[in-house]
Each structure stands twice: as C-alpha cells, then as structure tokens.
PDB file of N, CA and C in Angstrom:
ATOM      1  N   UNK A   1     -20.693  -8.891 -14.184  1.00  0.00           N
ATOM      2  CA  UNK A   1     -19.143  -8.781 -13.406  1.00  0.00           C
ATOM      3  C   UNK A   1     -18.757 -10.485 -13.798  1.00  0.00           C
ATOM      4  N   UNK A   2     -17.025 -10.240 -14.063  1.00  0.00           N
ATOM      5  CA  UNK A   2     -16.173 -10.845 -14.106  1.00  0.00           C
ATOM      6  C   UNK A   2     -15.498 -11.751 -12.673  1.00  0.00           C
ATOM      7  N   UNK A   3     -15.400 -13.000 -12.969  1.00  0.00           N
ATOM      8  CA  UNK A   3     -14.969 -13.936 -11.668  1.00  0.00           C
ATOM      9  C   UNK A   3     -14.118 -14.396 -12.442  1.00  0.00           C
ATOM     10  N   UNK A   4     -12.434 -14.581 -11.506  1.00  0.00           N
ATOM     11  CA  UNK A   4     -11.123 -14.926 -12.033  1.00  0.00           C
ATOM     12  C   UNK A   4     -11.414 -16.277 -11.496  1.00  0.00           C
ATOM     13  N   UNK A   5     -10.550 -17.538 -11.986  1.00  0.00           N
ATOM     14  CA  UNK A   5     -10.237 -18.597 -11.227  1.00  0.00           C
ATOM     15  C   UNK A   5      -8.533 -18.232 -10.477  1.00  0.00           C
ATOM     16  N   UNK A   6      -8.084 -17.493 -10.961  1.00  0.00           N
ATOM     17  CA  UNK A   6      -6.688 -16.828 -10.408  1.00  0.00           C
ATOM     18  C   UNK A   6      -6.346 -15.259 -10.541  1.00  0.00           C
ATOM     19  N   UNK A   7      -5.420 -15.003  -9.697  1.00  0.00           N
ATOM     20  CA  UNK A   7      -4.749 -13.738 -10.395  1.00  0.00           C
ATOM     21  C   UNK A   7      -3.442 -13.487 -11.198  1.00  0.00           C
ATOM     22  N   UNK A   8      -3.670 -12.606 -12.208  1.00  0.00           N
ATOM     23  CA  UNK A   8      -2.611 -12.453 -12.863  1.00  0.00           C
ATOM     24  C   UNK A   8      -1.337 -11.809 -11.483  1.00  0.00           C
ATOM     25  N   UNK A   9       0.062 -12.375 -12.408  1.00  0.00           N
ATOM     26  CA  UNK A   9       1.155 -11.381 -11.809  1.00  0.00           C
ATOM     27  C   UNK A   9       0.591  -9.963 -11.883  1.00  0.00           C
ATOM     28  N   UNK A  10       0.171  -9.570 -12.690  1.00  0.00           N
ATOM     29  CA  UNK A  10      -0.117  -7.900 -12.964  1.00  0.00           C
ATOM     30  C   UNK A  10      -0.787  -7.562 -11.825  1.00  0.00           C
ATOM     31  N   UNK A  11      -1.757  -8.531 -11.493  1.00  0.00           N
ATOM     32  CA  UNK A  11      -3.127  -7.690 -10.647  1.00  0.00           C
ATOM     33  C   UNK A  11      -2.460  -8.210  -9.151  1.00  0.00           C
ATOM     34  N   UNK A  12      -1.569  -9.175  -8.857  1.00  0.00           N
ATOM     35  CA  UNK A  12      -1.117  -9.341  -7.429  1.00  0.00           C
ATOM     36  C   UNK A  12       0.096  -7.873  -7.041  1.00  0.00           C
ATOM     37  N   UNK A  13       0.845  -7.557  -7.934  1.00  0.00           N
ATOM     38  CA  UNK A  13       1.737  -6.570  -7.918  1.00  0.00           C
ATOM     39  C   UNK A  13       0.628  -5.776  -7.762  1.00  0.00           C
ATOM     40  N   UNK A  14      -0.478  -5.200  -8.138  1.00  0.00           N
ATOM     41  CA  UNK A  14      -1.469  -3.785  -7.948  1.00  0.00           C
ATOM     42  C   UNK A  14      -1.882  -3.994  -6.838  1.00  0.00           C
ATOM     43  N   UNK A  15      -2.254  -5.052  -6.108  1.00  0.00           N
ATOM     44  CA  UNK A  15      -2.786  -5.197  -5.041  1.00  0.00           C
ATOM     45  C   UNK A  15      -1.658  -5.015  -3.798  1.00  0.00           C
ATOM     46  N   UNK A  16      -0.446  -5.499  -4.314  1.00  0.00           N
ATOM     47  CA  UNK A  16       0.075  -5.041  -3.046  1.00  0.00           C
ATOM     48  C   UNK A  16       0.594  -4.078  -3.188  1.00  0.00           C
ATOM     49  N   UNK A  17       0.344  -2.751  -3.824  1.00  0.00           N
ATOM     50  CA  UNK A  17       1.001  -1.362  -3.992  1.00  0.00           C
ATOM     51  C   UNK A  17      -0.021  -0.353  -3.293  1.00  0.00           C
ATOM     52  N   UNK A  18      -1.133  -1.398  -3.004  1.00  0.00           N
ATOM     53  CA  UNK A  18      -2.570  -0.134  -2.707  1.00  0.00           C
ATOM     54  C   UNK A  18      -2.378  -0.240  -1.026  1.00  0.00           C
ATOM     55  N   UNK A  19      -2.832   1.064  -0.608  1.00  0.00           N
ATOM     56  CA  UNK A  19      -2.672   1.404   1.054  1.00  0.00           C
ATOM     57  C   UNK A  19      -3.818   0.890   1.233  1.00  0.00           C
ATOM     58  N   UNK A  20      -4.666   1.450   0.678  1.00  0.00           N
ATOM     59  CA  UNK A  20      -6.331   0.912   1.679  1.00  0.00           C
ATOM     60  C   UNK A  20      -7.275   0.442  -0.103  1.00  0.00           C
ATOM     61  N   UNK A  21      -8.465  -0.357   0.345  1.00  0.00           N
ATOM     62  CA  UNK A  21      -9.483  -0.454  -0.478  1.00  0.00           C
ATOM     63  C   UNK A  21     -10.490  -1.608   0.535  1.00  0.00           C
ATOM     64  N   UNK A  22     -11.392  -1.763  -0.210  1.00  0.00           N
ATOM     65  CA  UNK A  22     -12.115  -2.503   0.516  1.00  0.00           C
ATOM     66  C   UNK A  22     -12.844  -4.110  -0.135  1.00  0.00           C
ATOM     67  N   UNK A  23     -12.929  -4.855   0.619  1.00  0.00           N
ATOM     68  CA  UNK A  23     -13.163  -5.949   0.289  1.00  0.00           C
ATOM     69  C   UNK A  23     -14.744  -6.623   0.531  1.00  0.00           C
ATOM     70  N   UNK A  24     -15.221  -7.229   0.063  1.00  0.00           N
ATOM     71  CA  UNK A  24     -17.085  -7.504  -0.053  1.00  0.00           C
ATOM     72  C   UNK A  24     -17.201  -8.911  -0.545  1.00  0.00           C
ATOM     73  N   UNK A  25     -17.937  -9.495   0.241  1.00  0.00           N
ATOM     74  CA  UNK A  25     -18.529 -10.764   0.718  1.00  0.00           C
ATOM     75  C   UNK A  25     -20.439 -10.483   0.120  1.00  0.00           C
ATOM     76  N   UNK A  26     -21.040 -11.511  -0.510  1.00  0.00           N
ATOM     77  CA  UNK A  26     -22.109 -11.754  -0.134  1.00  0.00           C
ATOM     78  C   UNK A  26     -22.857 -13.559   0.123  1.00  0.00           C
ATOM     79  N   UNK A  27     -23.763 -13.436   0.344  1.00  0.00           N
ATOM     80  CA  UNK A  27     -23.916 -15.119   0.549  1.00  0.00           C
ATOM     81  C   UNK A  27     -24.796 -15.161  -1.387  1.00  0.00           C
ATOM     82  N   UNK A  28     -25.081 -16.586  -1.087  1.00  0.00           N
ATOM     83  CA  UNK A  28     -25.809 -16.784  -2.605  1.00  0.00           C
ATOM     84  C   UNK A  28     -27.253 -16.549  -1.868  1.00  0.00           C
ATOM     85  N   UNK A  29     -27.528 -17.168  -0.783  1.00  0.00           N
ATOM     86  CA  UNK A  29     -28.969 -16.766  -0.186  1.00  0.00           C
ATOM     87  C   UNK A  29     -29.446 -15.135  -0.708  1.00  0.00           C
ATOM     88  N   UNK A  30     -31.137 -15.259  -1.043  1.00  0.00           N
ATOM     89  CA  UNK A  30     -31.517 -14.241  -0.724  1.00  0.00           C
ATOM     90  C   UNK A  30     -31.368 -13.723   0.348  1.00  0.00           C
ATOM     91  N   UNK A  31     -31.426 -14.276   1.532  1.00  0.00           N
ATOM     92  CA  UNK A  31     -31.573 -13.537   3.064  1.00  0.00           C
ATOM     93  C   UNK A  31     -30.610 -13.205   3.935  1.00  0.00           C
ATOM     94  N   UNK A  32     -29.588 -13.396   3.107  1.00  0.00           N
ATOM     95  CA  UNK A  32     -28.027 -12.877   3.844  1.00  0.00           C
ATOM     96  C   UNK A  32     -27.641 -11.923   3.452  1.00  0.00           C
ATOM     97  N   UNK A  33     -26.924 -11.112   3.903  1.00  0.00           N
ATOM     98  CA  UNK A  33     -26.070  -9.929   3.967  1.00  0.00           C
ATOM     99  C   UNK A  33     -25.191  -9.749   3.358  1.00  0.00           C
ATOM    100  N   UNK A  34     -24.786  -8.545   2.648  1.00  0.00           N
ATOM    101  CA  UNK A  34     -23.369  -8.224   1.931  1.00  0.00           C
ATOM    102  C   UNK A  34     -22.514  -7.872   3.253  1.00  0.00           C
ATOM    103  N   UNK A  35     -21.522  -8.048   2.959  1.00  0.00           N
ATOM    104  CA  UNK A  35     -20.112  -7.595   4.419  1.00  0.00           C
ATOM    105  C   UNK A  35     -18.758  -6.881   3.597  1.00  0.00           C
ATOM    106  N   UNK A  36     -19.414  -6.111   3.511  1.00  0.00           N
ATOM    107  CA  UNK A  36     -18.122  -4.840   3.354  1.00  0.00           C
ATOM    108  C   UNK A  36     -16.743  -4.250   4.091  1.00  0.00           C
ATOM    109  N   UNK A  37     -15.614  -4.602   3.823  1.00  0.00           N
ATOM    110  CA  UNK A  37     -14.772  -4.152   4.976  1.00  0.00           C
ATOM    111  C   UNK A  37     -13.558  -3.434   4.316  1.00  0.00           C
ATOM    112  N   UNK A  38     -13.012  -2.432   5.166  1.00  0.00           N
ATOM    113  CA  UNK A  38     -11.924  -1.680   4.937  1.00  0.00           C
ATOM    114  C   UNK A  38     -10.972  -2.224   4.950  1.00  0.00           C
ATOM    115  N   UNK A  39      -9.703  -2.296   3.985  1.00  0.00           N
ATOM    116  CA  UNK A  39      -8.881  -3.274   4.540  1.00  0.00           C
ATOM    117  C   UNK A  39      -7.273  -2.256   4.003  1.00  0.00           C
ATOM    118  N   UNK A  40      -6.306  -2.564   4.774  1.00  0.00           N
ATOM    119  CA  UNK A  40      -5.124  -1.664   4.396  1.00  0.00           C
ATOM    120  C   UNK A  40      -4.126  -2.153   4.890  1.00  0.00           C
ATOM    121  N   UNK A  41      -2.879  -1.741   4.517  1.00  0.00           N
ATOM    122  CA  UNK A  41      -1.256  -2.179   4.881  1.00  0.00           C
ATOM    123  C   UNK A  41      -1.169  -3.139   4.977  1.00  0.00           C
ATOM    124  N   UNK A  42      -1.236  -3.992   6.048  1.00  0.00           N
ATOM    125  CA  UNK A  42      -1.090  -5.605   6.069  1.00  0.00           C
ATOM    126  C   UNK A  42      -1.695  -6.454   6.416  1.00  0.00           C
ATOM    127  N   UNK A  43      -3.033  -5.946   6.153  1.00  0.00           N
ATOM    128  CA  UNK A  43      -4.429  -6.407   6.680  1.00  0.00           C
ATOM    129  C   UNK A  43      -4.968  -7.759   5.960  1.00  0.00           C
ATOM    130  N   UNK A  44      -4.345  -7.624   4.278  1.00  0.00           N
ATOM    131  CA  UNK A  44      -5.068  -8.672   3.397  1.00  0.00           C
ATOM    132  C   UNK A  44      -3.501  -8.757   2.617  1.00  0.00           C
ATOM    133  N   UNK A  45      -3.354  -9.855   2.388  1.00  0.00           N
ATOM    134  CA  UNK A  45      -2.495 -10.508   2.069  1.00  0.00           C
ATOM    135  C   UNK A  45      -2.439 -11.682   0.673  1.00  0.00           C
ATOM    136  N   UNK A  46      -1.611 -11.569  -0.434  1.00  0.00           N
ATOM    137  CA  UNK A  46      -1.946 -12.680  -1.434  1.00  0.00           C
ATOM    138  C   UNK A  46      -0.807 -13.568  -1.188  1.00  0.00           C
ATOM    139  N   UNK A  47      -1.759 -14.464  -0.620  1.00  0.00           N
ATOM    140  CA  UNK A  47      -0.732 -15.811  -0.266  1.00  0.00           C
ATOM    141  C   UNK A  47       0.130 -16.674  -1.465  1.00  0.00           C
ATOM    142  N   UNK A  48      -1.009 -16.990  -2.759  1.00  0.00           N
ATOM    143  CA  UNK A  48      -0.617 -17.504  -3.692  1.00  0.00           C
ATOM    144  C   UNK A  48      -1.729 -16.984  -4.856  1.00  0.00           C
ATOM    145  N   UNK A  49      -1.653 -17.688  -6.285  1.00  0.00           N
ATOM    146  CA  UNK A  49      -2.491 -17.390  -7.288  1.00  0.00           C
ATOM    147  C   UNK A  49      -4.550 -17.293  -6.995  1.00  0.00           C
ATOM    148  N   UNK A  50      -4.524 -18.216  -5.985  1.00  0.00           N
ATOM    149  CA  UNK A  50      -5.852 -18.820  -5.940  1.00  0.00           C
ATOM    150  C   UNK A  50      -6.162 -18.202  -4.152  1.00  0.00           C
ATOM    151  N   UNK A  51      -5.450 -18.055  -3.693  1.00  0.00           N
ATOM    152  CA  UNK A  51      -5.556 -17.818  -2.013  1.00  0.00           C
ATOM    153  C   UNK A  51      -4.921 -16.308  -1.422  1.00  0.00           C
ATOM    154  N   UNK A  52      -5.671 -15.417  -0.865  1.00  0.00           N
ATOM    155  CA  UNK A  52      -6.033 -14.528  -0.127  1.00  0.00           C
ATOM    156  C   UNK A  52      -6.167 -14.509   1.184  1.00  0.00           C
ATOM    157  N   UNK A  53      -5.619 -14.022   2.371  1.00  0.00           N
ATOM    158  CA  UNK A  53      -6.112 -13.978   3.866  1.00  0.00           C
ATOM    159  C   UNK A  53      -6.077 -12.485   4.223  1.00  0.00           C
ATOM    160  N   UNK A  54      -7.146 -12.207   5.235  1.00  0.00           N
ATOM    161  CA  UNK A  54      -7.102 -10.932   5.626  1.00  0.00           C
ATOM    162  C   UNK A  54      -7.646 -10.996   7.400  1.00  0.00           C
ATOM    163  N   UNK A  55      -6.662  -9.925   8.015  1.00  0.00           N
ATOM    164  CA  UNK A  55      -7.222 -10.421   9.152  1.00  0.00           C
ATOM    165  C   UNK A  55      -8.375  -9.342   9.539  1.00  0.00           C
ATOM    166  N   UNK A  56      -8.985  -9.793  10.695  1.00  0.00           N
ATOM    167  CA  UNK A  56     -10.385 -10.007  11.091  1.00  0.00           C
ATOM    168  C   UNK A  56     -10.320  -8.934  12.593  1.00  0.00           C
ATOM    169  N   UNK A  57     -10.888  -7.573  12.196  1.00  0.00           N
ATOM    170  CA  UNK A  57     -10.547  -6.910  13.661  1.00  0.00           C
ATOM    171  C   UNK A  57     -11.961  -6.751  14.036  1.00  0.00           C
ATOM    172  N   UNK A  58     -12.092  -7.129  15.544  1.00  0.00           N
ATOM    173  CA  UNK A  58     -13.420  -7.120  15.868  1.00  0.00           C
ATOM    174  C   UNK A  58     -13.959  -5.228  15.916  1.00  0.00           C
ATOM    175  N   UNK A  59     -15.378  -5.077  15.576  1.00  0.00           N
ATOM    176  CA  UNK A  59     -15.602  -3.596  15.584  1.00  0.00           C
ATOM    177  C   UNK A  59     -16.583  -3.197  17.086  1.00  0.00           C
TER     178      UNK A  59
END
C-alpha cells in the first residue's frame, strides 16, 4: 500500500468530482476495529493538500 504525505492537484480534482466513495480507517493496535463509512456529496471535503474533513452522521 502506498501512503502519501499530501494530495496532488489532480487527485484533489478527482475526489471533488466523485458523488460517492468510501473512507476507511484502522487502528495500529491489533485489537482495534476497522471503520468503513460511505461518503457522498458535501460530506467529505478537501481543505488543503494535507487536510480533509468529513461529516459524521450518527447511525
């Protein structure tokens, strides 16, 4: 897996065009759990090359 320190302008434009995608996170510890959430429209925003934000909607 490739990890990047920042997004390129091309990647930012690609993300902005998507209507829906999934964001996942996982802890470094083996006893944690993976969180996979669908995101769409305005719920995920790229703030700059190093920062994104997403709206958390309670289930």
